[in-house]
Amino acid sequence: MKLLRSMILIPLLLVFAQSATPQSGKKAPEFSLKSADGRTITLSELRGKVVLVNFWATWCGPCRAEMPGFEEAYKKLKSKGFEIVGISLDRQGWADVTPFLKNVRVTYPIVIGYQNLVEAYGNFDAIPTSFLIDKQGHIVEQHIGYMSKEDLEKKVNSLL
C-alpha cells in the first residue's frame, strides 16, 4: 500500500507544478561542482547574470520534457546575460548522466549534485525543482515541476 501511494503521489506532485517562494529574497547557496568536461562551475562566478539552477534526474519524465525548451531559451538569452546550471541528482552520477547527454544535447552546463546542496536549497522533495536567481545572487523564485520555455523566457526577461 505504501509503495502504491508513493507511485501515485510522486506523479501528482510533478503534474501539479507550482511556483513557490519559500527561499525568495535569500542569497542563493554557493556551490562549486565539476561539469562533464571537467570545468568547475561556481555560482559566485555567475554573479551579474540571471541564473536558473535546475535540479533534475535522467529518470524524471518532466525533467526530460523541459530540457529542450530550456536549451532553446538558453541559446536565445545567453548573450543577454542568462545562464542555466543543470544539477543532476542521479544516484549513479556520471554513470547515468553521460550516456543520457549523448542523446539529449544541451549546451548549458550540467553538474552532479549532492544531498547537502539539496538541503541548502530548502530540502525540496520533488523534481524538477528550479531556482531563478537574480544578478545580485538572490533567489527570486522557486519553481516545482515542469516549466515551459515560454514561462522561463517571461521570468528571465523580467530580470534581465
Protein backbone atom coordinates (compact mmCIF):
# COMPACT_ATOMS: atom_id res chain seq x y z
CA MET A 1 0.00 0.00 0.00
CA LYS A 2 2.80 2.40 0.92
CA LEU A 3 4.55 1.75 -2.41
CA LEU A 4 1.31 2.29 -4.31
CA ARG A 5 0.71 5.57 -2.51
CA SER A 6 4.26 6.68 -3.43
CA MET A 7 3.69 5.71 -7.05
CA ILE A 8 0.58 7.90 -7.13
CA LEU A 9 1.87 10.78 -5.04
CA ILE A 10 5.11 11.48 -6.92
CA PRO A 11 3.47 11.89 -10.35
CA LEU A 12 0.81 14.10 -8.76
CA LEU A 13 3.50 16.31 -7.29
CA LEU A 14 5.02 16.63 -10.73
CA VAL A 15 1.72 17.24 -12.53
CA PHE A 16 0.62 19.99 -10.19
CA ALA A 17 3.65 22.15 -10.82
CA GLN A 18 3.71 25.31 -8.86
CA SER A 19 5.76 28.36 -8.22
CA ALA A 20 6.60 28.85 -4.62
CA THR A 21 8.93 31.30 -3.00
CA PRO A 22 9.97 29.92 0.40
CA GLN A 23 13.57 30.85 -0.41
CA SER A 24 12.67 34.13 -2.14
CA GLY A 25 14.90 37.06 -1.32
CA LYS A 26 17.55 34.86 0.30
CA LYS A 27 21.08 34.66 -1.00
CA ALA A 28 21.36 31.59 -3.21
CA PRO A 29 23.55 28.93 -1.59
CA GLU A 30 27.01 28.73 -3.15
CA PHE A 31 28.21 25.61 -4.93
CA SER A 32 31.33 24.52 -6.74
CA LEU A 33 30.74 21.46 -8.92
CA LYS A 34 32.51 19.82 -11.86
CA SER A 35 30.87 19.65 -15.28
CA ALA A 36 31.20 16.71 -17.66
CA ASP A 37 34.11 18.41 -19.41
CA GLY A 38 35.95 18.95 -16.13
CA ARG A 39 35.22 22.65 -15.68
CA THR A 40 34.40 23.84 -12.19
CA ILE A 41 31.08 25.68 -12.11
CA THR A 42 30.59 28.00 -9.15
CA LEU A 43 27.55 30.11 -8.53
CA SER A 44 29.61 33.10 -7.39
CA GLU A 45 31.34 33.24 -10.80
CA LEU A 46 27.92 33.74 -12.40
CA ARG A 47 27.16 36.87 -10.36
CA GLY A 48 25.92 39.63 -12.65
CA LYS A 49 23.86 37.16 -14.68
CA VAL A 50 20.33 35.86 -14.24
CA VAL A 51 20.75 32.18 -13.41
CA LEU A 52 18.37 29.24 -13.46
CA VAL A 53 19.56 26.46 -11.15
CA ASN A 54 17.63 23.38 -12.25
CA PHE A 55 17.66 20.19 -10.15
CA TRP A 56 16.76 17.19 -12.31
CA ALA A 57 17.45 13.49 -12.96
CA THR A 58 17.66 11.29 -16.05
CA TRP A 59 14.76 9.08 -14.87
CA CYS A 60 12.40 12.06 -14.36
CA GLY A 61 9.91 12.48 -17.23
CA PRO A 62 9.05 16.15 -16.60
CA CYS A 63 12.78 16.92 -16.24
CA ARG A 64 13.50 15.40 -19.64
CA ALA A 65 10.47 17.14 -21.16
CA GLU A 66 11.58 20.63 -20.11
CA MET A 67 15.20 20.32 -21.27
CA PRO A 68 14.64 21.10 -24.99
CA GLY A 69 12.75 24.28 -24.09
CA PHE A 70 15.45 25.25 -21.59
CA GLU A 71 18.06 24.76 -24.32
CA GLU A 72 16.11 26.99 -26.74
CA ALA A 73 15.70 29.72 -24.09
CA TYR A 74 19.38 29.43 -23.17
CA LYS A 75 20.54 29.88 -26.77
CA LYS A 76 18.19 32.83 -27.19
CA LEU A 77 19.02 34.66 -23.93
CA LYS A 78 22.61 33.68 -23.10
CA SER A 79 24.08 36.69 -24.88
CA LYS A 80 21.83 38.96 -22.79
CA GLY A 81 23.23 37.64 -19.50
CA PHE A 82 21.29 34.44 -18.80
CA GLU A 83 22.83 31.20 -17.56
CA ILE A 84 21.44 27.76 -16.70
CA VAL A 85 23.13 25.23 -14.45
CA GLY A 86 21.53 21.78 -14.60
CA ILE A 87 22.24 19.86 -11.39
CA SER A 88 21.63 16.13 -11.80
CA LEU A 89 20.53 14.23 -8.72
CA ASP A 90 21.09 10.81 -10.29
CA ARG A 91 22.44 8.43 -7.66
CA GLN A 92 24.93 6.85 -10.06
CA GLY A 93 26.28 10.28 -11.05
CA TRP A 94 28.12 10.49 -14.34
CA ALA A 95 27.50 6.78 -15.00
CA ASP A 96 23.82 7.69 -15.61
CA VAL A 97 24.23 11.24 -16.88
CA THR A 98 26.96 10.82 -19.53
CA PRO A 99 25.03 8.34 -21.73
CA PHE A 100 21.86 10.40 -21.30
CA LEU A 101 23.59 13.58 -22.50
CA LYS A 102 24.75 11.81 -25.67
CA ASN A 103 21.09 11.56 -26.69
CA VAL A 104 19.83 14.84 -25.23
CA ARG A 105 22.13 17.58 -26.35
CA VAL A 106 22.28 20.65 -24.16
CA THR A 107 24.89 23.38 -24.25
CA TYR A 108 24.28 24.72 -20.77
CA PRO A 109 26.47 23.28 -18.01
CA ILE A 110 25.41 20.04 -16.34
CA VAL A 111 26.91 19.06 -13.00
CA ILE A 112 26.25 16.37 -10.40
CA GLY A 113 24.60 17.47 -7.15
CA TYR A 114 24.53 16.02 -3.69
CA GLN A 115 22.21 15.85 -0.69
CA ASN A 116 23.89 18.73 1.19
CA LEU A 117 23.16 21.02 -1.75
CA VAL A 118 19.50 19.97 -1.83
CA GLU A 119 19.33 20.72 1.89
CA ALA A 120 20.98 24.12 1.36
CA TYR A 121 18.29 24.96 -1.20
CA GLY A 122 15.47 24.18 1.22
CA ASN A 123 15.37 20.37 1.19
CA PHE A 124 12.72 20.17 -1.54
CA ASP A 125 11.23 16.75 -2.24
CA ALA A 126 10.16 16.82 -5.88
CA ILE A 127 11.96 17.28 -9.16
CA PRO A 128 12.29 19.10 -11.35
CA THR A 129 12.80 21.98 -8.96
CA SER A 130 14.30 25.18 -10.30
CA PHE A 131 15.54 28.33 -8.64
CA LEU A 132 15.63 31.61 -10.51
CA ILE A 133 18.46 33.77 -9.22
CA ASP A 134 18.83 37.48 -9.94
CA LYS A 135 22.02 39.31 -10.95
CA GLN A 136 22.85 40.02 -7.30
CA GLY A 137 22.72 36.32 -6.38
CA HIS A 138 19.35 36.30 -4.61
CA ILE A 139 16.65 33.70 -5.17
CA VAL A 140 13.71 35.33 -6.90
CA GLU A 141 11.58 32.23 -7.30
CA GLN A 142 11.47 28.51 -6.62
CA HIS A 143 9.52 26.57 -9.25
CA ILE A 144 8.47 22.99 -8.54
CA GLY A 145 7.61 20.81 -11.53
CA TYR A 146 7.75 21.24 -15.27
CA MET A 147 8.47 24.75 -16.58
CA SER A 148 7.69 25.64 -20.18
CA LYS A 149 10.07 27.57 -22.41
CA GLU A 150 7.56 30.42 -22.56
CA ASP A 151 7.29 30.69 -18.77
CA LEU A 152 11.06 30.56 -18.40
CA GLU A 153 11.63 33.26 -21.02
CA LYS A 154 8.99 35.51 -19.46
CA LYS A 155 10.53 35.17 -15.98
CA VAL A 156 14.10 35.66 -17.21
CA ASN A 157 13.26 38.64 -19.42
CA SER A 158 11.70 40.41 -16.42
CA LEU A 159 15.09 40.18 -14.65
CA LEU A 160 17.50 40.97 -17.49
